[in-house]
Amino acid sequence: MDYIIEGQPMRCSSYEAEQRRYKKIIGKDGHIYLYAIQDNPADNIYVSGGKNSDGFGGRTLSFTLEDGTVEELRGPWHTNSDDLFVHTGIDLRAKYLTFVVIGKGRK
């Protein structure tokens, strides 16, 4: 089986983030944490960056929450399950989607 990466369409990470529904949690640090409602929620965790944050180039992203409301965050950051656990106590550390390819040769 051949895996060809070149020629794949480019993906916009902010577009990808805005296509999901999220659960909202306020962390111990006062930041807003959002994690996707999906089988692999650890793949899509975002945190507010505060005033003048420049995550996603400082762009304002619109996140749809589980109740259908929209949370707008200016310059949020993509974060990980360890950070979420430390600041909220929510443990998603074993909830990543993993794709493994083993190569037996190259040409």
PDB file of N, CA and C in Angstrom:
ATOM      1  N   MET A   1       0.842  -1.169   0.000  1.00  0.00           N
ATOM      2  CA  MET A   1       0.000   0.000   0.000  1.00  0.00           C
ATOM      3  C   MET A   1       0.888   1.233   0.000  1.00  0.00           C
ATOM      4  N   ASP A   2       0.628   2.168  -0.874  1.00  0.00           N
ATOM      5  CA  ASP A   2       1.399   3.402  -0.940  1.00  0.00           C
ATOM      6  C   ASP A   2       0.648   4.521  -0.241  1.00  0.00           C
ATOM      7  N   TYR A   3       1.371   5.341   0.497  1.00  0.00           N
ATOM      8  CA  TYR A   3       0.811   6.524   1.141  1.00  0.00           C
ATOM      9  C   TYR A   3       1.444   7.742   0.509  1.00  0.00           C
ATOM     10  N   ILE A   4       0.651   8.512  -0.189  1.00  0.00           N
ATOM     11  CA  ILE A   4       1.147   9.695  -0.865  1.00  0.00           C
ATOM     12  C   ILE A   4       0.637  10.921  -0.101  1.00  0.00           C
ATOM     13  N   ILE A   5       1.559  11.751   0.354  1.00  0.00           N
ATOM     14  CA  ILE A   5       1.177  12.932   1.116  1.00  0.00           C
ATOM     15  C   ILE A   5       1.138  14.165   0.230  1.00  0.00           C
ATOM     16  N   GLU A   6       2.099  14.301  -0.675  1.00  0.00           N
ATOM     17  CA  GLU A   6       2.086  15.491  -1.525  1.00  0.00           C
ATOM     18  C   GLU A   6       0.832  15.477  -2.383  1.00  0.00           C
ATOM     19  N   GLY A   7       0.342  16.656  -2.672  1.00  0.00           N
ATOM     20  CA  GLY A   7      -0.872  16.769  -3.457  1.00  0.00           C
ATOM     21  C   GLY A   7      -2.137  16.759  -2.614  1.00  0.00           C
ATOM     22  N   GLN A   8      -2.002  16.565  -1.307  1.00  0.00           N
ATOM     23  CA  GLN A   8      -3.167  16.604  -0.420  1.00  0.00           C
ATOM     24  C   GLN A   8      -3.619  18.042  -0.260  1.00  0.00           C
ATOM     25  N   PRO A   9      -4.927  18.272  -0.138  1.00  0.00           N
ATOM     26  CA  PRO A   9      -5.387  19.643   0.052  1.00  0.00           C
ATOM     27  C   PRO A   9      -4.946  20.178   1.415  1.00  0.00           C
ATOM     28  N   MET A  10      -4.662  21.470   1.460  1.00  0.00           N
ATOM     29  CA  MET A  10      -4.273  22.098   2.712  1.00  0.00           C
ATOM     30  C   MET A  10      -5.516  22.269   3.576  1.00  0.00           C
ATOM     31  N   ARG A  11      -5.382  22.064   4.880  1.00  0.00           N
ATOM     32  CA  ARG A  11      -6.500  22.226   5.798  1.00  0.00           C
ATOM     33  C   ARG A  11      -6.283  23.440   6.670  1.00  0.00           C
ATOM     34  N   CYS A  12      -7.322  24.180   6.890  1.00  0.00           N
ATOM     35  CA  CYS A  12      -7.277  25.357   7.746  1.00  0.00           C
ATOM     36  C   CYS A  12      -7.667  24.922   9.160  1.00  0.00           C
ATOM     37  N   SER A  13      -6.767  25.087  10.109  1.00  0.00           N
ATOM     38  CA  SER A  13      -7.026  24.593  11.464  1.00  0.00           C
ATOM     39  C   SER A  13      -8.171  25.335  12.146  1.00  0.00           C
ATOM     40  N   SER A  14      -8.342  26.621  11.865  1.00  0.00           N
ATOM     41  CA  SER A  14      -9.454  27.341  12.490  1.00  0.00           C
ATOM     42  C   SER A  14     -10.795  26.859  11.915  1.00  0.00           C
ATOM     43  N   TYR A  15     -10.834  26.578  10.637  1.00  0.00           N
ATOM     44  CA  TYR A  15     -12.052  26.034  10.015  1.00  0.00           C
ATOM     45  C   TYR A  15     -12.381  24.683  10.637  1.00  0.00           C
ATOM     46  N   GLU A  16     -11.376  23.829  10.768  1.00  0.00           N
ATOM     47  CA  GLU A  16     -11.571  22.504  11.373  1.00  0.00           C
ATOM     48  C   GLU A  16     -12.102  22.637  12.799  1.00  0.00           C
ATOM     49  N   ALA A  17     -11.560  23.580  13.567  1.00  0.00           N
ATOM     50  CA  ALA A  17     -11.986  23.775  14.962  1.00  0.00           C
ATOM     51  C   ALA A  17     -13.436  24.221  15.039  1.00  0.00           C
ATOM     52  N   GLU A  18     -13.861  25.048  14.104  1.00  0.00           N
ATOM     53  CA  GLU A  18     -15.207  25.611  14.155  1.00  0.00           C
ATOM     54  C   GLU A  18     -16.291  24.659  13.656  1.00  0.00           C
ATOM     55  N   GLN A  19     -15.926  23.489  13.162  1.00  0.00           N
ATOM     56  CA  GLN A  19     -16.900  22.548  12.620  1.00  0.00           C
ATOM     57  C   GLN A  19     -17.459  21.583  13.655  1.00  0.00           C
ATOM     58  N   ARG A  20     -16.971  21.622  14.883  1.00  0.00           N
ATOM     59  CA  ARG A  20     -17.365  20.668  15.908  1.00  0.00           C
ATOM     60  C   ARG A  20     -18.260  21.324  16.960  1.00  0.00           C
ATOM     61  N   ARG A  21     -18.807  20.484  17.855  1.00  0.00           N
ATOM     62  CA  ARG A  21     -19.530  20.968  19.037  1.00  0.00           C
ATOM     63  C   ARG A  21     -18.642  20.701  20.248  1.00  0.00           C
ATOM     64  N   TYR A  22     -18.762  21.565  21.243  1.00  0.00           N
ATOM     65  CA  TYR A  22     -17.847  21.530  22.377  1.00  0.00           C
ATOM     66  C   TYR A  22     -18.542  21.578  23.721  1.00  0.00           C
ATOM     67  N   LYS A  23     -17.845  21.048  24.706  1.00  0.00           N
ATOM     68  CA  LYS A  23     -18.194  21.236  26.115  1.00  0.00           C
ATOM     69  C   LYS A  23     -17.312  22.368  26.622  1.00  0.00           C
ATOM     70  N   LYS A  24     -17.886  23.224  27.455  1.00  0.00           N
ATOM     71  CA  LYS A  24     -17.170  24.390  27.991  1.00  0.00           C
ATOM     72  C   LYS A  24     -16.932  24.201  29.481  1.00  0.00           C
ATOM     73  N   ILE A  25     -15.699  24.461  29.897  1.00  0.00           N
ATOM     74  CA  ILE A  25     -15.304  24.356  31.295  1.00  0.00           C
ATOM     75  C   ILE A  25     -14.478  25.593  31.643  1.00  0.00           C
ATOM     76  N   ILE A  26     -14.672  26.127  32.827  1.00  0.00           N
ATOM     77  CA  ILE A  26     -13.822  27.214  33.316  1.00  0.00           C
ATOM     78  C   ILE A  26     -12.741  26.581  34.175  1.00  0.00           C
ATOM     79  N   GLY A  27     -11.489  26.807  33.803  1.00  0.00           N
ATOM     80  CA  GLY A  27     -10.361  26.227  34.518  1.00  0.00           C
ATOM     81  C   GLY A  27     -10.067  26.941  35.828  1.00  0.00           C
ATOM     82  N   LYS A  28      -9.245  26.308  36.649  1.00  0.00           N
ATOM     83  CA  LYS A  28      -8.802  26.890  37.924  1.00  0.00           C
ATOM     84  C   LYS A  28      -8.087  28.221  37.712  1.00  0.00           C
ATOM     85  N   ASP A  29      -7.518  28.390  36.517  1.00  0.00           N
ATOM     86  CA  ASP A  29      -6.805  29.620  36.176  1.00  0.00           C
ATOM     87  C   ASP A  29      -7.726  30.698  35.621  1.00  0.00           C
ATOM     88  N   GLY A  30      -9.036  30.397  35.543  1.00  0.00           N
ATOM     89  CA  GLY A  30     -10.014  31.358  35.037  1.00  0.00           C
ATOM     90  C   GLY A  30     -10.177  31.350  33.535  1.00  0.00           C
ATOM     91  N   HIS A  31      -9.395  30.552  32.836  1.00  0.00           N
ATOM     92  CA  HIS A  31      -9.490  30.475  31.381  1.00  0.00           C
ATOM     93  C   HIS A  31     -10.636  29.556  30.982  1.00  0.00           C
ATOM     94  N   ILE A  32     -11.160  29.810  29.798  1.00  0.00           N
ATOM     95  CA  ILE A  32     -12.208  28.966  29.232  1.00  0.00           C
ATOM     96  C   ILE A  32     -11.545  27.826  28.471  1.00  0.00           C
ATOM     97  N   TYR A  33     -11.926  26.601  28.803  1.00  0.00           N
ATOM     98  CA  TYR A  33     -11.452  25.412  28.094  1.00  0.00           C
ATOM     99  C   TYR A  33     -12.619  24.808  27.336  1.00  0.00           C
ATOM    100  N   LEU A  34     -12.380  24.448  26.090  1.00  0.00           N
ATOM    101  CA  LEU A  34     -13.387  23.811  25.250  1.00  0.00           C
ATOM    102  C   LEU A  34     -12.817  22.497  24.736  1.00  0.00           C
ATOM    103  N   TYR A  35     -13.597  21.418  24.840  1.00  0.00           N
ATOM    104  CA  TYR A  35     -13.155  20.164  24.233  1.00  0.00           C
ATOM    105  C   TYR A  35     -14.299  19.580  23.421  1.00  0.00           C
ATOM    106  N   ALA A  36     -13.939  18.981  22.295  1.00  0.00           N
ATOM    107  CA  ALA A  36     -14.908  18.508  21.317  1.00  0.00           C
ATOM    108  C   ALA A  36     -15.713  17.320  21.831  1.00  0.00           C
ATOM    109  N   ILE A  37     -16.973  17.300  21.440  1.00  0.00           N
ATOM    110  CA  ILE A  37     -17.843  16.166  21.743  1.00  0.00           C
ATOM    111  C   ILE A  37     -17.698  15.195  20.574  1.00  0.00           C
ATOM    112  N   GLN A  38     -16.831  14.212  20.759  1.00  0.00           N
ATOM    113  CA  GLN A  38     -16.534  13.218  19.726  1.00  0.00           C
ATOM    114  C   GLN A  38     -15.821  12.051  20.396  1.00  0.00           C
ATOM    115  N   ASP A  39     -15.596  10.968  19.652  1.00  0.00           N
ATOM    116  CA  ASP A  39     -14.940   9.786  20.225  1.00  0.00           C
ATOM    117  C   ASP A  39     -13.513  10.066  20.687  1.00  0.00           C
ATOM    118  N   ASN A  40     -12.855  11.024  20.045  1.00  0.00           N
ATOM    119  CA  ASN A  40     -11.468  11.371  20.367  1.00  0.00           C
ATOM    120  C   ASN A  40     -11.387  12.853  20.786  1.00  0.00           C
ATOM    121  N   PRO A  41     -11.992  13.210  21.920  1.00  0.00           N
ATOM    122  CA  PRO A  41     -12.057  14.629  22.309  1.00  0.00           C
ATOM    123  C   PRO A  41     -10.705  15.270  22.582  1.00  0.00           C
ATOM    124  N   ALA A  42      -9.692  14.484  22.919  1.00  0.00           N
ATOM    125  CA  ALA A  42      -8.368  15.051  23.217  1.00  0.00           C
ATOM    126  C   ALA A  42      -7.702  15.660  21.984  1.00  0.00           C
ATOM    127  N   ASP A  43      -8.184  15.314  20.800  1.00  0.00           N
ATOM    128  CA  ASP A  43      -7.612  15.879  19.576  1.00  0.00           C
ATOM    129  C   ASP A  43      -8.017  17.330  19.351  1.00  0.00           C
ATOM    130  N   ASN A  44      -9.085  17.754  19.988  1.00  0.00           N
ATOM    131  CA  ASN A  44      -9.590  19.107  19.767  1.00  0.00           C
ATOM    132  C   ASN A  44      -9.911  19.776  21.098  1.00  0.00           C
ATOM    133  N   ILE A  45      -8.881  20.311  21.729  1.00  0.00           N
ATOM    134  CA  ILE A  45      -9.021  21.040  22.992  1.00  0.00           C
ATOM    135  C   ILE A  45      -8.463  22.444  22.771  1.00  0.00           C
ATOM    136  N   TYR A  46      -9.239  23.446  23.165  1.00  0.00           N
ATOM    137  CA  TYR A  46      -8.834  24.837  22.970  1.00  0.00           C
ATOM    138  C   TYR A  46      -8.999  25.593  24.277  1.00  0.00           C
ATOM    139  N   VAL A  47      -8.187  26.621  24.452  1.00  0.00           N
ATOM    140  CA  VAL A  47      -8.223  27.420  25.672  1.00  0.00           C
ATOM    141  C   VAL A  47      -8.151  28.899  25.307  1.00  0.00           C
ATOM    142  N   SER A  48      -8.920  29.699  26.058  1.00  0.00           N
ATOM    143  CA  SER A  48      -8.873  31.146  25.835  1.00  0.00           C
ATOM    144  C   SER A  48      -7.500  31.655  26.234  1.00  0.00           C
ATOM    145  N   GLY A  49      -7.049  32.665  25.543  1.00  0.00           N
ATOM    146  CA  GLY A  49      -5.716  33.185  25.813  1.00  0.00           C
ATOM    147  C   GLY A  49      -5.703  34.488  26.578  1.00  0.00           C
ATOM    148  N   GLY A  50      -6.857  35.063  26.797  1.00  0.00           N
ATOM    149  CA  GLY A  50      -6.900  36.330  27.507  1.00  0.00           C
ATOM    150  C   GLY A  50      -6.742  37.516  26.566  1.00  0.00           C
ATOM    151  N   LYS A  51      -6.677  38.680  27.144  1.00  0.00           N
ATOM    152  CA  LYS A  51      -6.572  39.912  26.374  1.00  0.00           C
ATOM    153  C   LYS A  51      -5.298  39.908  25.516  1.00  0.00           C
ATOM    154  N   ASN A  52      -5.428  40.335  24.277  1.00  0.00           N
ATOM    155  CA  ASN A  52      -4.322  40.429  23.322  1.00  0.00           C
ATOM    156  C   ASN A  52      -3.696  39.079  22.961  1.00  0.00           C
ATOM    157  N   SER A  53      -4.425  38.001  23.156  1.00  0.00           N
ATOM    158  CA  SER A  53      -3.908  36.683  22.788  1.00  0.00           C
ATOM    159  C   SER A  53      -3.802  36.577  21.274  1.00  0.00           C
ATOM    160  N   ASP A  54      -2.757  35.913  20.787  1.00  0.00           N
ATOM    161  CA  ASP A  54      -2.588  35.815  19.339  1.00  0.00           C
ATOM    162  C   ASP A  54      -2.570  34.379  18.829  1.00  0.00           C
ATOM    163  N   GLY A  55      -3.237  33.460  19.547  1.00  0.00           N
ATOM    164  CA  GLY A  55      -3.432  32.124  19.007  1.00  0.00           C
ATOM    165  C   GLY A  55      -4.257  32.231  17.731  1.00  0.00           C
ATOM    166  N   PHE A  56      -4.020  31.364  16.769  1.00  0.00           N
ATOM    167  CA  PHE A  56      -4.689  31.427  15.467  1.00  0.00           C
ATOM    168  C   PHE A  56      -4.525  32.808  14.845  1.00  0.00           C
ATOM    169  N   GLY A  57      -3.367  33.429  15.074  1.00  0.00           N
ATOM    170  CA  GLY A  57      -3.076  34.738  14.498  1.00  0.00           C
ATOM    171  C   GLY A  57      -3.917  35.859  15.083  1.00  0.00           C
ATOM    172  N   GLY A  58      -4.478  35.637  16.275  1.00  0.00           N
ATOM    173  CA  GLY A  58      -5.305  36.652  16.914  1.00  0.00           C
ATOM    174  C   GLY A  58      -6.735  36.679  16.409  1.00  0.00           C
ATOM    175  N   ARG A  59      -7.065  35.740  15.547  1.00  0.00           N
ATOM    176  CA  ARG A  59      -8.405  35.667  14.952  1.00  0.00           C
ATOM    177  C   ARG A  59      -9.444  35.296  16.008  1.00  0.00           C
ATOM    178  N   THR A  60     -10.665  35.764  15.851  1.00  0.00           N
ATOM    179  CA  THR A  60     -11.776  35.364  16.714  1.00  0.00           C
ATOM    180  C   THR A  60     -12.427  34.131  16.112  1.00  0.00           C
ATOM    181  N   LEU A  61     -12.480  33.051  16.891  1.00  0.00           N
ATOM    182  CA  LEU A  61     -13.106  31.810  16.443  1.00  0.00           C
ATOM    183  C   LEU A  61     -14.446  31.646  17.130  1.00  0.00           C
ATOM    184  N   SER A  62     -15.390  31.055  16.405  1.00  0.00           N
ATOM    185  CA  SER A  62     -16.726  30.794  16.934  1.00  0.00           C
ATOM    186  C   SER A  62     -16.883  29.298  17.172  1.00  0.00           C
ATOM    187  N   PHE A  63     -17.053  28.921  18.428  1.00  0.00           N
ATOM    188  CA  PHE A  63     -17.197  27.524  18.823  1.00  0.00           C
ATOM    189  C   PHE A  63     -18.651  27.264  19.201  1.00  0.00           C
ATOM    190  N   THR A  64     -19.275  26.270  18.574  1.00  0.00           N
ATOM    191  CA  THR A  64     -20.649  25.897  18.919  1.00  0.00           C
ATOM    192  C   THR A  64     -20.597  24.960  20.119  1.00  0.00           C
ATOM    193  N   LEU A  65     -21.320  25.322  21.166  1.00  0.00           N
ATOM    194  CA  LEU A  65     -21.355  24.516  22.379  1.00  0.00           C
ATOM    195  C   LEU A  65     -22.453  23.457  22.285  1.00  0.00           C
ATOM    196  N   GLU A  66     -22.428  22.519  23.220  1.00  0.00           N
ATOM    197  CA  GLU A  66     -23.346  21.389  23.180  1.00  0.00           C
ATOM    198  C   GLU A  66     -24.811  21.809  23.216  1.00  0.00           C
ATOM    199  N   ASP A  67     -25.126  22.962  23.811  1.00  0.00           N
ATOM    200  CA  ASP A  67     -26.510  23.428  23.881  1.00  0.00           C
ATOM    201  C   ASP A  67     -26.910  24.283  22.683  1.00  0.00           C
ATOM    202  N   GLY A  68     -26.002  24.425  21.704  1.00  0.00           N
ATOM    203  CA  GLY A  68     -26.292  25.177  20.490  1.00  0.00           C
ATOM    204  C   GLY A  68     -25.872  26.636  20.537  1.00  0.00           C
ATOM    205  N   THR A  69     -25.498  27.141  21.719  1.00  0.00           N
ATOM    206  CA  THR A  69     -25.011  28.512  21.799  1.00  0.00           C
ATOM    207  C   THR A  69     -23.607  28.591  21.208  1.00  0.00           C
ATOM    208  N   VAL A  70     -23.170  29.797  20.922  1.00  0.00           N
ATOM    209  CA  VAL A  70     -21.857  29.986  20.304  1.00  0.00           C
ATOM    210  C   VAL A  70     -20.965  30.775  21.259  1.00  0.00           C
ATOM    211  N   GLU A  71     -19.771  30.272  21.487  1.00  0.00           N
ATOM    212  CA  GLU A  71     -18.753  30.938  22.310  1.00  0.00           C
ATOM    213  C   GLU A  71     -17.697  31.492  21.367  1.00  0.00           C
ATOM    214  N   GLU A  72     -17.496  32.799  21.393  1.00  0.00           N
ATOM    215  CA  GLU A  72     -16.476  33.414  20.549  1.00  0.00           C
ATOM    216  C   GLU A  72     -15.244  33.710  21.390  1.00  0.00           C
ATOM    217  N   LEU A  73     -14.101  33.218  20.943  1.00  0.00           N
ATOM    218  CA  LEU A  73     -12.841  33.448  21.642  1.00  0.00           C
ATOM    219  C   LEU A  73     -11.861  34.127  20.702  1.00  0.00           C
ATOM    220  N   ARG A  74     -11.263  35.199  21.177  1.00  0.00           N
ATOM    221  CA  ARG A  74     -10.259  35.912  20.386  1.00  0.00           C
ATOM    222  C   ARG A  74      -8.883  35.320  20.682  1.00  0.00           C
ATOM    223  N   GLY A  75      -8.237  34.834  19.637  1.00  0.00           N
ATOM    224  CA  GLY A  75      -6.887  34.296  19.771  1.00  0.00           C
ATOM    225  C   GLY A  75      -6.764  33.103  20.684  1.00  0.00           C
ATOM    226  N   PRO A  76      -7.701  32.118  20.628  1.00  0.00           N
ATOM    227  CA  PRO A  76      -7.560  30.944  21.502  1.00  0.00           C
ATOM    228  C   PRO A  76      -6.363  30.098  21.081  1.00  0.00           C
ATOM    229  N   TRP A  77      -5.949  29.233  21.967  1.00  0.00           N
ATOM    230  CA  TRP A  77      -4.830  28.340  21.703  1.00  0.00           C
ATOM    231  C   TRP A  77      -5.316  26.909  21.672  1.00  0.00           C
ATOM    232  N   HIS A  78      -4.746  26.123  20.762  1.00  0.00           N
ATOM    233  CA  HIS A  78      -4.967  24.679  20.780  1.00  0.00           C
ATOM    234  C   HIS A  78      -4.105  24.162  21.922  1.00  0.00           C
ATOM    235  N   THR A  79      -4.683  23.370  22.804  1.00  0.00           N
ATOM    236  CA  THR A  79      -3.912  22.838  23.929  1.00  0.00           C
ATOM    237  C   THR A  79      -4.037  21.323  23.958  1.00  0.00           C
ATOM    238  N   ASN A  80      -3.564  20.696  25.022  1.00  0.00           N
ATOM    239  CA  ASN A  80      -3.559  19.237  25.080  1.00  0.00           C
ATOM    240  C   ASN A  80      -4.270  18.725  26.325  1.00  0.00           C
ATOM    241  N   SER A  81      -4.436  17.416  26.387  1.00  0.00           N
ATOM    242  CA  SER A  81      -5.190  16.801  27.481  1.00  0.00           C
ATOM    243  C   SER A  81      -4.475  16.924  28.826  1.00  0.00           C
ATOM    244  N   ASP A  82      -3.145  16.993  28.831  1.00  0.00           N
ATOM    245  CA  ASP A  82      -2.423  17.186  30.098  1.00  0.00           C
ATOM    246  C   ASP A  82      -2.755  18.551  30.697  1.00  0.00           C
ATOM    247  N   ASP A  83      -2.753  19.586  29.869  1.00  0.00           N
ATOM    248  CA  ASP A  83      -3.082  20.936  30.321  1.00  0.00           C
ATOM    249  C   ASP A  83      -4.526  20.993  30.816  1.00  0.00           C
ATOM    250  N   LEU A  84      -5.436  20.377  30.078  1.00  0.00           N
ATOM    251  CA  LEU A  84      -6.842  20.337  30.485  1.00  0.00           C
ATOM    252  C   LEU A  84      -6.982  19.664  31.850  1.00  0.00           C
ATOM    253  N   PHE A  85      -6.298  18.550  32.056  1.00  0.00           N
ATOM    254  CA  PHE A  85      -6.370  17.809  33.317  1.00  0.00           C
ATOM    255  C   PHE A  85      -5.843  18.652  34.486  1.00  0.00           C
ATOM    256  N   VAL A  86      -4.708  19.300  34.296  1.00  0.00           N
ATOM    257  CA  VAL A  86      -4.111  20.118  35.353  1.00  0.00           C
ATOM    258  C   VAL A  86      -5.040  21.256  35.765  1.00  0.00           C
ATOM    259  N   HIS A  87      -5.668  21.904  34.792  1.00  0.00           N
ATOM    260  CA  HIS A  87      -6.463  23.098  35.088  1.00  0.00           C
ATOM    261  C   HIS A  87      -7.943  22.855  35.361  1.00  0.00           C
ATOM    262  N   THR A  88      -8.460  21.654  34.994  1.00  0.00           N
ATOM    263  CA  THR A  88      -9.892  21.397  35.194  1.00  0.00           C
ATOM    264  C   THR A  88     -10.186  20.088  35.915  1.00  0.00           C
ATOM    265  N   GLY A  89      -9.214  19.177  35.948  1.00  0.00           N
ATOM    266  CA  GLY A  89      -9.460  17.866  36.540  1.00  0.00           C
ATOM    267  C   GLY A  89     -10.149  16.892  35.595  1.00  0.00           C
ATOM    268  N   ILE A  90     -10.455  17.324  34.380  1.00  0.00           N
ATOM    269  CA  ILE A  90     -11.086  16.446  33.386  1.00  0.00           C
ATOM    270  C   ILE A  90      -9.989  15.647  32.691  1.00  0.00           C
ATOM    271  N   ASP A  91     -10.127  14.336  32.731  1.00  0.00           N
ATOM    272  CA  ASP A  91      -9.075  13.466  32.213  1.00  0.00           C
ATOM    273  C   ASP A  91      -9.445  12.872  30.854  1.00  0.00           C
ATOM    274  N   LEU A  92      -8.881  13.452  29.802  1.00  0.00           N
ATOM    275  CA  LEU A  92      -9.071  12.947  28.439  1.00  0.00           C
ATOM    276  C   LEU A  92      -7.755  12.409  27.873  1.00  0.00           C
ATOM    277  N   ARG A  93      -6.795  12.137  28.753  1.00  0.00           N
ATOM    278  CA  ARG A  93      -5.446  11.784  28.302  1.00  0.00           C
ATOM    279  C   ARG A  93      -5.375  10.500  27.494  1.00  0.00           C
ATOM    280  N   ALA A  94      -6.380   9.654  27.550  1.00  0.00           N
ATOM    281  CA  ALA A  94      -6.393   8.424  26.752  1.00  0.00           C
ATOM    282  C   ALA A  94      -7.444   8.506  25.643  1.00  0.00           C
ATOM    283  N   LYS A  95      -7.797   9.711  25.237  1.00  0.00           N
ATOM    284  CA  LYS A  95      -8.875   9.903  24.265  1.00  0.00           C
ATOM    285  C   LYS A  95      -8.397  10.571  22.977  1.00  0.00           C
ATOM    286  N   TYR A  96      -7.252  10.129  22.451  1.00  0.00           N
ATOM    287  CA  TYR A  96      -6.723  10.606  21.175  1.00  0.00           C
ATOM    288  C   TYR A  96      -6.998   9.565  20.098  1.00  0.00           C
ATOM    289  N   LEU A  97      -7.113  10.025  18.863  1.00  0.00           N
ATOM    290  CA  LEU A  97      -7.177   9.120  17.729  1.00  0.00           C
ATOM    291  C   LEU A  97      -5.746   8.936  17.239  1.00  0.00           C
ATOM    292  N   THR A  98      -5.326   7.702  17.119  1.00  0.00           N
ATOM    293  CA  THR A  98      -3.959   7.424  16.700  1.00  0.00           C
ATOM    294  C   THR A  98      -3.993   6.639  15.390  1.00  0.00           C
ATOM    295  N   PHE A  99      -3.186   7.081  14.444  1.00  0.00           N
ATOM    296  CA  PHE A  99      -3.075   6.418  13.152  1.00  0.00           C
ATOM    297  C   PHE A  99      -1.626   5.981  12.995  1.00  0.00           C
ATOM    298  N   VAL A 100      -1.414   4.709  12.794  1.00  0.00           N
ATOM    299  CA  VAL A 100      -0.050   4.177  12.719  1.00  0.00           C
ATOM    300  C   VAL A 100       0.194   3.584  11.333  1.00  0.00           C
ATOM    301  N   VAL A 101       1.330   3.930  10.769  1.00  0.00           N
ATOM    302  CA  VAL A 101       1.756   3.348   9.506  1.00  0.00           C
ATOM    303  C   VAL A 101       3.133   2.757   9.728  1.00  0.00           C
ATOM    304  N   ILE A 102       3.292   1.493   9.368  1.00  0.00           N
ATOM    305  CA  ILE A 102       4.582   0.825   9.503  1.00  0.00           C
ATOM    306  C   ILE A 102       5.128   0.599   8.097  1.00  0.00           C
ATOM    307  N   GLY A 103       6.284   1.162   7.831  1.00  0.00           N
ATOM    308  CA  GLY A 103       6.907   0.999   6.524  1.00  0.00           C
ATOM    309  C   GLY A 103       7.845  -0.205   6.530  1.00  0.00           C
ATOM    310  N   LYS A 104       7.758  -1.005   5.501  1.00  0.00           N
ATOM    311  CA  LYS A 104       8.651  -2.172   5.370  1.00  0.00           C
ATOM    312  C   LYS A 104       9.747  -1.936   4.365  1.00  0.00           C
ATOM    313  N   GLY A 105       9.755  -0.748   3.798  1.00  0.00           N
ATOM    314  CA  GLY A 105      10.773  -0.435   2.829  1.00  0.00           C
ATOM    315  C   GLY A 105      10.529   0.954   2.265  1.00  0.00           C
ATOM    316  N   ARG A 106      11.429   1.382   1.435  1.00  0.00           N
ATOM    317  CA  ARG A 106      11.252   2.680   0.805  1.00  0.00           C
ATOM    318  C   ARG A 106      11.850   2.630  -0.585  1.00  0.00           C
ATOM    319  N   LYS A 107      11.406   3.521  -1.429  1.00  0.00           N
ATOM    320  CA  LYS A 107      11.941   3.577  -2.785  1.00  0.00           C
ATOM    321  C   LYS A 107      11.960   4.986  -3.277  1.00  0.00           C
TER     322      LYS A 107
END
